[in-house]
N, C-alpha and C. Protein backbone atom coordinates (compact mmCIF):
# COMPACT_ATOMS: atom_id res chain seq x y z
N MET A 1 -53.88 -14.76 -33.49
CA MET A 1 -53.03 -15.91 -33.68
C MET A 1 -51.73 -15.51 -34.39
N LYS A 2 -51.85 -14.64 -35.40
CA LYS A 2 -50.66 -14.21 -36.12
C LYS A 2 -49.72 -13.43 -35.21
N LYS A 3 -50.28 -12.63 -34.31
CA LYS A 3 -49.44 -11.85 -33.39
C LYS A 3 -48.68 -12.77 -32.43
N LEU A 4 -49.34 -13.82 -31.95
CA LEU A 4 -48.70 -14.77 -31.05
C LEU A 4 -47.57 -15.52 -31.76
N LEU A 5 -47.83 -15.95 -32.98
CA LEU A 5 -46.81 -16.64 -33.76
C LEU A 5 -45.63 -15.71 -34.05
N GLY A 6 -45.90 -14.46 -34.38
CA GLY A 6 -44.84 -13.49 -34.62
C GLY A 6 -44.02 -13.23 -33.37
N LEU A 7 -44.67 -13.17 -32.21
CA LEU A 7 -43.98 -12.95 -30.94
C LEU A 7 -43.08 -14.13 -30.59
N VAL A 8 -43.58 -15.34 -30.78
CA VAL A 8 -42.79 -16.55 -30.50
C VAL A 8 -41.61 -16.64 -31.45
N LEU A 9 -41.83 -16.36 -32.71
CA LEU A 9 -40.75 -16.39 -33.69
C LEU A 9 -39.69 -15.34 -33.39
N THR A 10 -40.09 -14.14 -32.99
CA THR A 10 -39.15 -13.09 -32.63
C THR A 10 -38.35 -13.48 -31.39
N ALA A 11 -39.00 -14.05 -30.40
CA ALA A 11 -38.31 -14.49 -29.18
C ALA A 11 -37.30 -15.59 -29.51
N LEU A 12 -37.69 -16.51 -30.38
CA LEU A 12 -36.78 -17.59 -30.78
C LEU A 12 -35.55 -17.04 -31.50
N ILE A 13 -35.75 -16.11 -32.39
CA ILE A 13 -34.62 -15.50 -33.13
C ILE A 13 -33.70 -14.76 -32.19
N ILE A 14 -34.24 -14.01 -31.25
CA ILE A 14 -33.42 -13.28 -30.28
C ILE A 14 -32.63 -14.26 -29.42
N TYR A 15 -33.28 -15.35 -29.00
CA TYR A 15 -32.60 -16.36 -28.19
C TYR A 15 -31.46 -17.02 -28.96
N VAL A 16 -31.69 -17.38 -30.21
CA VAL A 16 -30.66 -18.02 -31.03
C VAL A 16 -29.47 -17.08 -31.24
N ILE A 17 -29.74 -15.81 -31.50
CA ILE A 17 -28.66 -14.83 -31.68
C ILE A 17 -27.87 -14.67 -30.39
N TYR A 18 -28.56 -14.63 -29.25
CA TYR A 18 -27.89 -14.50 -27.96
C TYR A 18 -26.97 -15.70 -27.70
N ILE A 19 -27.46 -16.91 -27.91
CA ILE A 19 -26.65 -18.12 -27.70
C ILE A 19 -25.46 -18.14 -28.65
N ASP A 20 -25.68 -17.76 -29.90
CA ASP A 20 -24.61 -17.76 -30.89
C ASP A 20 -23.50 -16.78 -30.51
N LEU A 21 -23.87 -15.63 -30.00
CA LEU A 21 -22.86 -14.62 -29.66
C LEU A 21 -22.16 -14.90 -28.33
N THR A 22 -22.83 -15.53 -27.39
CA THR A 22 -22.21 -15.76 -26.08
C THR A 22 -21.51 -17.11 -26.00
N VAL A 23 -22.16 -18.17 -26.39
CA VAL A 23 -21.61 -19.51 -26.27
C VAL A 23 -20.94 -19.94 -27.58
N GLY A 24 -21.55 -19.63 -28.68
CA GLY A 24 -21.06 -20.06 -29.98
C GLY A 24 -21.79 -21.30 -30.43
N THR A 25 -21.64 -21.63 -31.70
CA THR A 25 -22.34 -22.79 -32.24
C THR A 25 -21.47 -24.04 -32.26
N LEU A 26 -20.17 -23.88 -32.11
CA LEU A 26 -19.26 -25.02 -32.08
C LEU A 26 -18.84 -25.30 -30.65
N PRO A 27 -18.74 -26.56 -30.28
CA PRO A 27 -18.30 -26.88 -28.92
C PRO A 27 -16.86 -26.44 -28.70
N SER A 28 -16.61 -25.79 -27.58
CA SER A 28 -15.28 -25.26 -27.32
C SER A 28 -14.28 -26.32 -26.88
N ASP A 29 -14.75 -27.46 -26.36
CA ASP A 29 -13.82 -28.49 -25.92
C ASP A 29 -13.24 -29.29 -27.08
N SER A 30 -13.72 -29.04 -28.31
CA SER A 30 -13.16 -29.74 -29.46
C SER A 30 -11.95 -29.01 -30.05
N VAL A 31 -11.64 -27.83 -29.51
CA VAL A 31 -10.50 -27.07 -30.00
C VAL A 31 -9.23 -27.72 -29.47
N GLN A 32 -8.30 -28.01 -30.36
CA GLN A 32 -7.06 -28.64 -29.96
C GLN A 32 -5.92 -27.66 -30.08
N THR A 33 -5.04 -27.69 -29.12
CA THR A 33 -3.85 -26.86 -29.21
C THR A 33 -2.69 -27.75 -29.62
N VAL A 34 -1.90 -27.24 -30.51
CA VAL A 34 -0.76 -27.99 -31.03
C VAL A 34 0.51 -27.27 -30.62
N GLU A 35 1.42 -28.02 -30.06
CA GLU A 35 2.68 -27.44 -29.62
C GLU A 35 3.73 -27.69 -30.69
N ALA A 36 4.37 -26.64 -31.13
CA ALA A 36 5.39 -26.76 -32.18
C ALA A 36 6.69 -27.24 -31.57
N LYS A 37 7.31 -28.18 -32.23
CA LYS A 37 8.60 -28.69 -31.79
C LYS A 37 9.58 -28.53 -32.93
N GLY A 38 10.76 -28.11 -32.61
CA GLY A 38 11.80 -27.95 -33.63
C GLY A 38 12.32 -29.29 -34.08
N GLU A 39 12.50 -29.44 -35.35
CA GLU A 39 13.04 -30.67 -35.91
C GLU A 39 14.56 -30.57 -35.97
N THR A 40 15.20 -31.66 -35.71
CA THR A 40 16.66 -31.68 -35.78
C THR A 40 17.10 -32.22 -37.12
N SER A 41 18.33 -32.04 -37.41
CA SER A 41 18.86 -32.54 -38.68
C SER A 41 18.92 -34.06 -38.70
N SER A 42 18.82 -34.72 -37.53
CA SER A 42 18.84 -36.19 -37.51
C SER A 42 17.58 -36.76 -38.15
N ALA A 43 16.47 -35.98 -38.13
CA ALA A 43 15.25 -36.44 -38.79
C ALA A 43 15.46 -36.55 -40.29
N LYS A 44 16.25 -35.64 -40.85
CA LYS A 44 16.53 -35.70 -42.28
C LYS A 44 17.33 -36.95 -42.63
N SER A 45 18.25 -37.32 -41.77
CA SER A 45 19.11 -38.46 -42.10
C SER A 45 18.39 -39.79 -41.93
N THR A 46 17.30 -39.84 -41.14
CA THR A 46 16.60 -41.10 -40.95
C THR A 46 15.60 -41.40 -42.06
N ILE A 47 15.26 -40.40 -42.87
CA ILE A 47 14.32 -40.60 -43.96
C ILE A 47 15.11 -40.85 -45.24
N PRO A 48 14.98 -42.04 -45.84
CA PRO A 48 15.66 -42.24 -47.13
C PRO A 48 15.04 -41.32 -48.18
N SER A 49 15.88 -40.76 -49.02
CA SER A 49 15.36 -39.80 -49.99
C SER A 49 16.14 -39.84 -51.29
N PHE A 50 15.57 -39.19 -52.29
CA PHE A 50 16.25 -39.00 -53.57
C PHE A 50 16.00 -37.57 -54.01
N ARG A 51 16.91 -37.03 -54.81
CA ARG A 51 16.81 -35.66 -55.28
C ARG A 51 16.48 -35.67 -56.76
N THR A 52 15.50 -34.85 -57.14
CA THR A 52 15.14 -34.75 -58.55
C THR A 52 14.60 -33.35 -58.83
N THR A 53 14.63 -32.99 -60.10
CA THR A 53 14.13 -31.69 -60.54
C THR A 53 12.70 -31.85 -61.02
N VAL A 54 11.85 -30.92 -60.64
CA VAL A 54 10.43 -30.98 -60.98
C VAL A 54 10.23 -30.57 -62.44
N GLU A 55 9.48 -31.40 -63.17
CA GLU A 55 9.13 -31.12 -64.56
C GLU A 55 7.70 -30.56 -64.61
N PRO A 56 7.32 -29.92 -65.71
CA PRO A 56 5.96 -29.39 -65.82
C PRO A 56 4.90 -30.48 -65.66
N GLY A 57 3.87 -30.19 -64.89
CA GLY A 57 2.76 -31.13 -64.69
C GLY A 57 2.98 -32.13 -63.58
N GLU A 58 4.14 -32.16 -62.95
CA GLU A 58 4.41 -33.14 -61.91
C GLU A 58 3.99 -32.60 -60.54
N THR A 59 3.60 -33.51 -59.69
CA THR A 59 3.30 -33.19 -58.29
C THR A 59 4.20 -34.06 -57.42
N VAL A 60 4.21 -33.78 -56.13
CA VAL A 60 5.02 -34.58 -55.22
C VAL A 60 4.58 -36.04 -55.27
N ILE A 61 3.28 -36.27 -55.29
CA ILE A 61 2.77 -37.64 -55.33
C ILE A 61 3.18 -38.33 -56.63
N SER A 62 3.04 -37.65 -57.75
CA SER A 62 3.38 -38.29 -59.03
C SER A 62 4.88 -38.58 -59.14
N ILE A 63 5.70 -37.71 -58.59
CA ILE A 63 7.16 -37.93 -58.63
C ILE A 63 7.53 -39.15 -57.80
N VAL A 64 6.97 -39.26 -56.59
CA VAL A 64 7.29 -40.39 -55.72
C VAL A 64 6.74 -41.68 -56.31
N GLU A 65 5.52 -41.66 -56.84
CA GLU A 65 4.96 -42.87 -57.46
C GLU A 65 5.76 -43.29 -58.69
N HIS A 66 6.24 -42.32 -59.47
CA HIS A 66 7.05 -42.65 -60.64
C HIS A 66 8.37 -43.29 -60.21
N GLN A 67 8.97 -42.80 -59.16
CA GLN A 67 10.23 -43.37 -58.65
C GLN A 67 10.01 -44.80 -58.15
N LEU A 68 8.87 -45.03 -57.48
CA LEU A 68 8.57 -46.36 -56.94
C LEU A 68 8.06 -47.33 -58.00
N LYS A 69 7.49 -46.79 -59.06
CA LYS A 69 6.85 -47.57 -60.12
C LYS A 69 5.67 -48.38 -59.58
N LYS A 70 4.99 -47.82 -58.57
CA LYS A 70 3.79 -48.42 -57.99
C LYS A 70 3.06 -47.33 -57.20
N PRO A 71 1.82 -47.60 -56.76
CA PRO A 71 1.08 -46.59 -55.97
C PRO A 71 1.78 -46.25 -54.66
N LEU A 72 1.45 -45.12 -54.14
CA LEU A 72 2.04 -44.61 -52.91
C LEU A 72 1.73 -45.56 -51.74
N PRO A 73 2.76 -46.08 -51.03
CA PRO A 73 2.53 -47.04 -49.94
C PRO A 73 2.22 -46.40 -48.59
N VAL A 74 2.25 -45.07 -48.50
CA VAL A 74 1.99 -44.38 -47.24
C VAL A 74 0.85 -43.38 -47.46
N SER A 75 0.36 -42.82 -46.36
CA SER A 75 -0.71 -41.83 -46.48
C SER A 75 -0.15 -40.53 -47.05
N ILE A 76 -1.03 -39.73 -47.61
CA ILE A 76 -0.62 -38.44 -48.17
C ILE A 76 -0.10 -37.53 -47.06
N ASN A 77 -0.73 -37.60 -45.87
CA ASN A 77 -0.27 -36.79 -44.75
C ASN A 77 1.17 -37.12 -44.37
N GLU A 78 1.51 -38.40 -44.39
CA GLU A 78 2.88 -38.82 -44.08
C GLU A 78 3.85 -38.34 -45.16
N LEU A 79 3.44 -38.42 -46.42
CA LEU A 79 4.26 -37.93 -47.52
C LEU A 79 4.53 -36.44 -47.38
N VAL A 80 3.50 -35.66 -47.07
CA VAL A 80 3.65 -34.21 -46.89
C VAL A 80 4.60 -33.93 -45.73
N ARG A 81 4.42 -34.63 -44.61
CA ARG A 81 5.27 -34.43 -43.44
C ARG A 81 6.73 -34.73 -43.77
N ASP A 82 6.99 -35.86 -44.44
CA ASP A 82 8.35 -36.24 -44.79
C ASP A 82 8.96 -35.25 -45.79
N PHE A 83 8.17 -34.80 -46.77
CA PHE A 83 8.67 -33.83 -47.74
C PHE A 83 9.08 -32.54 -47.04
N LYS A 84 8.25 -32.08 -46.09
CA LYS A 84 8.58 -30.86 -45.35
C LYS A 84 9.83 -31.04 -44.52
N LEU A 85 10.01 -32.21 -43.91
CA LEU A 85 11.23 -32.47 -43.13
C LEU A 85 12.48 -32.44 -44.00
N LEU A 86 12.38 -33.02 -45.17
CA LEU A 86 13.54 -33.09 -46.07
C LEU A 86 13.87 -31.76 -46.71
N ASN A 87 12.89 -30.86 -46.81
CA ASN A 87 13.09 -29.59 -47.51
C ASN A 87 12.91 -28.39 -46.60
N SER A 88 13.30 -28.52 -45.36
CA SER A 88 13.30 -27.42 -44.38
C SER A 88 11.95 -26.72 -44.26
N GLY A 89 10.88 -27.49 -44.21
CA GLY A 89 9.55 -26.91 -44.01
C GLY A 89 8.89 -26.37 -45.26
N PHE A 90 9.51 -26.56 -46.43
CA PHE A 90 8.93 -26.06 -47.68
C PHE A 90 7.66 -26.84 -48.00
N SER A 91 6.59 -26.13 -48.35
CA SER A 91 5.30 -26.75 -48.61
C SER A 91 5.29 -27.47 -49.96
N PRO A 92 4.80 -28.72 -50.02
CA PRO A 92 4.76 -29.44 -51.29
C PRO A 92 3.79 -28.83 -52.29
N GLU A 93 2.85 -28.02 -51.82
CA GLU A 93 1.91 -27.37 -52.73
C GLU A 93 2.57 -26.24 -53.52
N LYS A 94 3.75 -25.82 -53.09
CA LYS A 94 4.40 -24.67 -53.71
C LYS A 94 5.66 -25.04 -54.49
N ILE A 95 5.79 -26.32 -54.89
CA ILE A 95 6.98 -26.69 -55.65
C ILE A 95 6.97 -25.98 -57.00
N GLN A 96 8.17 -25.69 -57.51
CA GLN A 96 8.28 -24.94 -58.75
C GLN A 96 8.99 -25.78 -59.81
N VAL A 97 8.52 -25.63 -61.04
CA VAL A 97 9.11 -26.34 -62.16
C VAL A 97 10.56 -25.89 -62.33
N GLY A 98 11.44 -26.86 -62.56
CA GLY A 98 12.84 -26.56 -62.79
C GLY A 98 13.68 -26.49 -61.52
N THR A 99 13.07 -26.65 -60.37
CA THR A 99 13.79 -26.61 -59.10
C THR A 99 13.95 -28.03 -58.59
N ALA A 100 15.11 -28.32 -58.00
CA ALA A 100 15.38 -29.65 -57.46
C ALA A 100 15.01 -29.69 -55.98
N TYR A 101 14.36 -30.78 -55.57
CA TYR A 101 13.95 -30.99 -54.19
C TYR A 101 14.33 -32.40 -53.76
N GLN A 102 14.36 -32.60 -52.44
CA GLN A 102 14.53 -33.93 -51.87
C GLN A 102 13.14 -34.53 -51.71
N PHE A 103 12.96 -35.78 -52.15
CA PHE A 103 11.69 -36.47 -52.04
C PHE A 103 11.92 -37.74 -51.21
N PRO A 104 10.96 -38.10 -50.34
CA PRO A 104 11.11 -39.32 -49.56
C PRO A 104 11.06 -40.55 -50.46
N ASP A 105 11.91 -41.52 -50.14
CA ASP A 105 11.99 -42.76 -50.91
C ASP A 105 11.40 -43.89 -50.09
N TYR A 106 10.25 -44.40 -50.51
CA TYR A 106 9.56 -45.46 -49.78
C TYR A 106 9.74 -46.81 -50.47
N SER A 107 10.83 -47.03 -51.14
CA SER A 107 11.03 -48.26 -51.90
C SER A 107 11.33 -49.47 -51.03
N ASP A 108 11.68 -49.27 -49.77
CA ASP A 108 12.00 -50.43 -48.92
C ASP A 108 10.79 -51.03 -48.35
């Protein structure tokens, strides 16, 4: 009985390894391709913005919320996208203290 169980378990492990290496464990039709499009300078002019210098401990969200004096009215993804558009693709996670950036103004 132990030999039969060992044989079945070994066959199952070999089968799982074979499927994992040939087909994979994630469905391939869920992979999305994203096409990059160049942004024009007109996108910068359509987003209302303000310029401020980053102080220690501030984040993009805290700066925008402080300017609005209320919670953020848009999603974080939209804030990140607008910040990148206003700052030539600069990542909001990499802002530096003492540097001035353009921030989207959602006060309207």
